Amino acid sequence: MAMEDGVENENENENENENENENENENERRGRYCSRGRRAMAGVGLLLVGIGVGAGPVGAAGEAEAAVMPAEIETGGPLLGGPAEQAWRELFGRVAEQGNVRATFTERRWFRVRKEPVVLRGELRSAAEHGLSLHYAAPQEQLLVVDARGLLMRDAAGRTRQMAADPRAPRMDAVLLPVLRFDLEALHRYFTIRANRAGATWRLDFVPKTPELARQLSTLTVVGADLAVRRLEFRRGADQRVVVEIGATETGVVFGAEELKRYFR
């Protein structure tokens, strides 16, 4: 009996250890999943700030104008062509004519593991020949560049990471350039688009069509007034979202050689 009891105890201990290992493995899997989700959402936040590029208020080069946040506006109907789409094309054409842009932004990120949002601030720059540059100044300095070659990230110590563009499986950075340029032909390939206008305020909702984009983003909402994009909200799930407010903006900017070298590639 003593031997049997010992065997039973050993079996119980082994079962307990197996359960503990299973719990640890499950916690590790959950931790990796949450970590991937946070990184994906943060990456989306970094990228989608750029939609505000090229859509600042019309003003003289080097002259920043303070932002006025537009009123709330509801989701509109599908943008499917016809006279309604032509009116949007005219708006997008006027936005594109503003040239290079420099602006400030404030970004707030909500995650399921935090009650309060993470707040980031920085500057964005857009140039037709060089793409989009996002310079995060607080709470940590980081530079992100999106261009035809793909994605580049650089931290305060100068360490860089690069991700080449892949047209076979486009990521959010690959479709960002068509979004910030309001290229409707390209956007219709990647998104279902809904649009609404109320006076000077307008709203666009982008819902991904491809599985690759849908894994990164559920809905992107862009809200503007006149020729200015002012607010972006994008969601990855019911409890994960990022809101970006575009601040003081300069249009028609001529970037000098030093600024191009520092903030682009």
Protein backbone atom coordinates (compact mmCIF):
# COMPACT_ATOMS: atom_id res chain seq x y z
CA MET A 1 0.00 0.00 0.00
CA ALA A 2 2.81 2.38 0.81
CA MET A 3 4.28 1.79 -2.63
CA GLU A 4 0.87 2.23 -4.24
CA ASP A 5 0.37 5.45 -2.31
CA GLY A 6 3.76 6.64 -3.44
CA VAL A 7 2.95 5.87 -7.05
CA GLU A 8 -0.38 7.63 -6.72
CA ASN A 9 1.33 10.69 -5.21
CA GLU A 10 3.88 10.71 -7.98
CA ASN A 11 1.13 10.51 -10.58
CA GLU A 12 -0.73 13.33 -8.88
CA ASN A 13 2.42 15.45 -8.82
CA GLU A 14 3.04 14.71 -12.49
CA ASN A 15 -0.54 15.68 -13.33
CA GLU A 16 -0.18 18.88 -11.33
CA ASN A 17 3.07 19.70 -13.11
CA GLU A 18 1.47 18.98 -16.49
CA ASN A 19 -1.44 21.27 -15.60
CA GLU A 20 0.95 23.96 -14.45
CA ASN A 21 2.93 23.64 -17.70
CA GLU A 22 -0.27 23.80 -19.73
CA ASN A 23 -1.33 26.94 -17.84
CA GLU A 24 2.09 28.49 -18.35
CA ASN A 25 1.99 27.65 -22.05
CA GLU A 26 -1.51 29.07 -22.35
CA ASN A 27 -0.45 32.26 -20.54
CA GLU A 28 2.56 32.52 -22.82
CA ARG A 29 0.33 32.12 -25.88
CA ARG A 30 -2.05 34.75 -24.56
CA GLY A 31 0.85 37.04 -23.77
CA ARG A 32 2.26 36.64 -27.26
CA TYR A 33 -1.18 37.22 -28.76
CA CYS A 34 -1.73 40.40 -26.73
CA SER A 35 1.78 41.57 -27.51
CA ARG A 36 1.24 40.99 -31.24
CA GLY A 37 -2.08 42.79 -31.03
CA ARG A 38 -0.54 45.78 -29.28
CA ARG A 39 2.33 45.91 -31.77
CA ALA A 40 -0.04 45.63 -34.72
CA MET A 41 -2.30 48.32 -33.35
CA ALA A 42 0.68 50.57 -32.59
CA GLY A 43 1.99 50.01 -36.11
CA VAL A 44 -1.37 50.91 -37.55
CA GLY A 45 -1.35 54.03 -35.45
CA LEU A 46 2.04 55.04 -36.76
CA LEU A 47 0.93 54.51 -40.34
CA LEU A 48 -2.51 55.99 -40.35
CA VAL A 49 -1.46 59.35 -39.07
CA GLY A 50 -0.26 59.90 -42.62
CA ILE A 51 -3.75 60.06 -44.04
CA GLY A 52 -3.88 63.63 -42.81
CA VAL A 53 -0.92 64.49 -44.98
CA GLY A 54 -1.70 66.66 -47.96
CA ALA A 55 -5.01 67.73 -46.50
CA GLY A 56 -4.16 70.72 -44.37
CA PRO A 57 -5.76 74.15 -44.70
CA VAL A 58 -4.75 76.27 -47.68
CA GLY A 59 -2.18 78.82 -46.66
CA ALA A 60 1.14 80.35 -47.61
CA ALA A 61 4.19 78.12 -47.50
CA GLY A 62 5.81 78.13 -44.08
CA GLU A 63 2.70 79.61 -42.48
CA ALA A 64 1.03 77.20 -40.05
CA GLU A 65 -2.67 77.49 -39.36
CA ALA A 66 -4.29 76.34 -36.13
CA ALA A 67 -6.63 73.39 -36.39
CA VAL A 68 -10.34 73.56 -35.67
CA MET A 69 -11.88 70.17 -34.98
CA PRO A 70 -15.06 69.59 -37.03
CA ALA A 71 -18.39 68.61 -35.54
CA GLU A 72 -19.48 64.98 -35.37
CA ILE A 73 -20.99 63.53 -38.54
CA GLU A 74 -22.66 60.16 -39.12
CA THR A 75 -21.53 57.36 -41.43
CA GLY A 76 -22.72 57.90 -45.00
CA GLY A 77 -23.79 55.68 -47.86
CA PRO A 78 -21.60 53.65 -50.23
CA LEU A 79 -19.37 55.54 -52.63
CA LEU A 80 -20.06 53.63 -55.84
CA GLY A 81 -19.52 56.06 -58.68
CA GLY A 82 -21.83 58.42 -60.52
CA PRO A 83 -22.36 62.14 -59.82
CA ALA A 84 -21.83 61.71 -56.08
CA GLU A 85 -18.36 60.22 -56.58
CA GLN A 86 -17.48 62.94 -59.08
CA ALA A 87 -18.08 65.57 -56.39
CA TRP A 88 -15.65 63.73 -54.10
CA ARG A 89 -13.09 63.51 -56.89
CA GLU A 90 -13.23 67.29 -57.23
CA LEU A 91 -12.60 67.68 -53.50
CA PHE A 92 -9.69 65.24 -53.56
CA GLY A 93 -8.18 67.04 -56.55
CA ARG A 94 -8.23 70.34 -54.70
CA VAL A 95 -6.65 68.70 -51.66
CA ALA A 96 -3.80 67.27 -53.77
CA GLU A 97 -3.04 70.69 -55.27
CA GLN A 98 -1.83 71.97 -51.90
CA GLY A 99 1.61 70.43 -52.37
CA ASN A 100 4.06 69.40 -49.66
CA VAL A 101 2.80 69.46 -46.08
CA ARG A 102 4.20 69.84 -42.59
CA ALA A 103 1.86 69.48 -39.58
CA THR A 104 1.68 68.58 -35.89
CA PHE A 105 -0.47 65.77 -34.54
CA THR A 106 -1.67 64.21 -31.31
CA GLU A 107 -2.41 60.49 -31.25
CA ARG A 108 -4.36 58.58 -28.59
CA ARG A 109 -4.28 54.78 -28.50
CA TRP A 110 -6.76 52.68 -26.55
CA PHE A 111 -5.92 49.04 -25.71
CA ARG A 112 -7.91 46.40 -23.86
CA VAL A 113 -5.22 46.16 -21.17
CA ARG A 114 -5.28 49.88 -20.28
CA LYS A 115 -8.03 52.11 -18.88
CA GLU A 116 -6.45 55.34 -20.10
CA PRO A 117 -5.15 55.95 -23.64
CA VAL A 118 -1.48 56.18 -24.53
CA VAL A 119 -0.84 59.71 -25.84
CA LEU A 120 1.83 60.47 -28.46
CA ARG A 121 2.74 63.74 -30.18
CA GLY A 122 4.86 64.61 -33.15
CA GLU A 123 5.19 66.09 -36.63
CA LEU A 124 4.33 64.71 -40.03
CA ARG A 125 5.75 65.64 -43.40
CA SER A 126 4.59 64.69 -46.87
CA ALA A 127 6.33 65.20 -50.20
CA ALA A 128 5.20 63.76 -53.53
CA GLU A 129 8.71 62.60 -54.46
CA HIS A 130 9.70 61.27 -51.03
CA GLY A 131 6.53 59.84 -49.46
CA LEU A 132 5.41 60.28 -45.89
CA SER A 133 7.50 60.94 -42.77
CA LEU A 134 6.18 60.69 -39.21
CA HIS A 135 8.42 62.05 -36.46
CA TYR A 136 7.19 61.03 -33.01
CA ALA A 137 8.69 63.36 -30.41
CA ALA A 138 6.91 62.24 -27.21
CA PRO A 139 6.90 60.16 -25.12
CA GLN A 140 9.70 58.50 -27.11
CA GLU A 141 11.42 59.75 -30.23
CA GLN A 142 10.89 57.63 -33.32
CA LEU A 143 10.88 58.21 -37.06
CA LEU A 144 8.75 56.30 -39.55
CA VAL A 145 8.98 56.74 -43.33
CA VAL A 146 6.49 55.27 -45.82
CA ASP A 147 7.38 55.48 -49.51
CA ALA A 148 7.25 53.43 -52.70
CA ARG A 149 10.05 51.21 -51.39
CA GLY A 150 8.15 50.19 -48.26
CA LEU A 151 8.52 51.06 -44.60
CA LEU A 152 11.47 52.37 -42.59
CA MET A 153 11.58 52.84 -38.81
CA ARG A 154 14.37 54.58 -36.93
CA ASP A 155 14.69 55.06 -33.15
CA ALA A 156 16.43 57.83 -31.22
CA ALA A 157 19.72 55.86 -31.19
CA GLY A 158 19.72 55.66 -34.98
CA ARG A 159 18.84 51.95 -35.18
CA THR A 160 16.72 51.22 -38.25
CA ARG A 161 14.34 48.52 -39.42
CA GLN A 162 13.08 48.19 -42.99
CA MET A 163 10.19 46.31 -44.53
CA ALA A 164 10.10 46.12 -48.32
CA ALA A 165 6.78 46.64 -50.10
CA ASP A 166 5.12 43.39 -51.25
CA PRO A 167 2.44 43.91 -53.94
CA ARG A 168 1.34 40.27 -53.63
CA ALA A 169 0.14 40.78 -50.04
CA PRO A 170 -0.17 44.51 -49.41
CA ARG A 171 0.10 45.69 -45.81
CA MET A 172 -1.37 48.87 -44.43
CA ASP A 173 1.76 50.81 -45.36
CA ALA A 174 1.37 49.70 -49.00
CA VAL A 175 -2.14 51.11 -49.26
CA LEU A 176 -1.34 54.21 -47.23
CA LEU A 177 0.01 56.14 -50.19
CA PRO A 178 -3.21 55.70 -52.23
CA VAL A 179 -5.19 56.74 -49.15
CA LEU A 180 -3.25 59.90 -48.46
CA ARG A 181 -3.40 60.75 -52.17
CA PHE A 182 -7.15 59.91 -52.28
CA ASP A 183 -6.56 57.62 -55.26
CA LEU A 184 -10.10 56.28 -55.68
CA GLU A 185 -9.21 53.62 -58.26
CA ALA A 186 -6.69 52.03 -55.89
CA LEU A 187 -8.89 52.56 -52.84
CA HIS A 188 -11.83 50.74 -54.41
CA ARG A 189 -9.57 47.69 -54.85
CA TYR A 190 -8.70 47.57 -51.16
CA PHE A 191 -11.71 49.04 -49.35
CA THR A 192 -15.45 49.39 -49.30
CA ILE A 193 -15.92 53.15 -48.97
CA ARG A 194 -18.80 55.04 -47.36
CA ALA A 195 -19.00 58.82 -47.57
CA ASN A 196 -21.05 61.64 -46.07
CA ARG A 197 -21.05 65.46 -46.13
CA ALA A 198 -22.84 67.98 -43.94
CA GLY A 199 -22.01 71.54 -44.93
CA ALA A 200 -18.24 71.96 -44.87
CA THR A 201 -17.72 68.79 -42.80
CA TRP A 202 -17.17 65.45 -44.49
CA ARG A 203 -16.50 61.87 -43.48
CA LEU A 204 -15.05 58.78 -45.18
CA ASP A 205 -15.23 55.25 -43.76
CA PHE A 206 -12.87 52.62 -45.18
CA VAL A 207 -13.63 48.91 -44.54
CA PRO A 208 -10.90 46.51 -45.79
CA LYS A 209 -11.81 44.03 -48.51
CA THR A 210 -8.70 41.84 -48.33
CA PRO A 211 -8.02 39.35 -45.50
CA GLU A 212 -4.51 40.76 -45.02
CA LEU A 213 -5.78 44.27 -44.33
CA ALA A 214 -8.76 43.03 -42.32
CA ARG A 215 -6.36 41.37 -39.87
CA GLN A 216 -4.73 44.76 -39.24
CA LEU A 217 -7.77 47.01 -39.28
CA SER A 218 -11.54 46.71 -39.07
CA THR A 219 -12.56 50.28 -39.95
CA LEU A 220 -10.76 53.54 -40.70
CA THR A 221 -12.70 56.79 -40.40
CA VAL A 222 -11.39 60.08 -41.79
CA VAL A 223 -13.17 63.32 -40.86
CA GLY A 224 -12.37 66.70 -42.40
CA ALA A 225 -13.63 70.21 -42.98
CA ASP A 226 -13.28 72.01 -46.33
CA LEU A 227 -9.83 70.95 -47.61
CA ALA A 228 -8.48 69.87 -44.21
CA VAL A 229 -8.33 66.38 -42.75
CA ARG A 230 -8.73 66.92 -39.02
CA ARG A 231 -9.44 63.65 -37.28
CA LEU A 232 -8.86 59.97 -37.89
CA GLU A 233 -10.26 57.05 -35.96
CA PHE A 234 -9.40 53.48 -36.69
CA ARG A 235 -10.30 50.26 -34.97
CA ARG A 236 -8.83 46.81 -34.80
CA GLY A 237 -11.60 45.50 -32.58
CA ALA A 238 -14.30 46.60 -30.18
CA ASP A 239 -11.79 47.60 -27.51
CA GLN A 240 -8.79 48.65 -29.61
CA ARG A 241 -8.80 51.99 -31.38
CA VAL A 242 -6.59 54.93 -32.24
CA VAL A 243 -7.71 58.54 -32.63
CA VAL A 244 -5.43 61.05 -34.35
CA GLU A 245 -6.04 64.80 -34.38
CA ILE A 246 -4.16 66.89 -36.93
CA GLY A 247 -2.95 70.20 -35.53
CA ALA A 248 -1.25 73.28 -36.97
CA THR A 249 -0.54 72.71 -40.67
CA GLU A 250 1.67 74.29 -43.33
CA THR A 251 1.01 73.66 -47.02
CA GLY A 252 3.10 74.35 -50.09
CA VAL A 253 6.23 73.64 -48.05
CA VAL A 254 9.66 73.51 -49.71
CA PHE A 255 11.83 71.08 -47.76
CA GLY A 256 15.52 71.91 -47.63
CA ALA A 257 18.28 69.36 -48.20
CA GLU A 258 18.96 68.95 -44.47
CA GLU A 259 15.28 68.39 -43.62
CA LEU A 260 14.92 65.84 -46.41
CA LYS A 261 17.98 63.97 -45.18
CA ARG A 262 16.80 63.91 -41.58
CA TYR A 263 13.15 63.00 -42.05
CA PHE A 264 13.02 60.99 -45.31
CA ARG A 265 15.35 58.52 -47.04
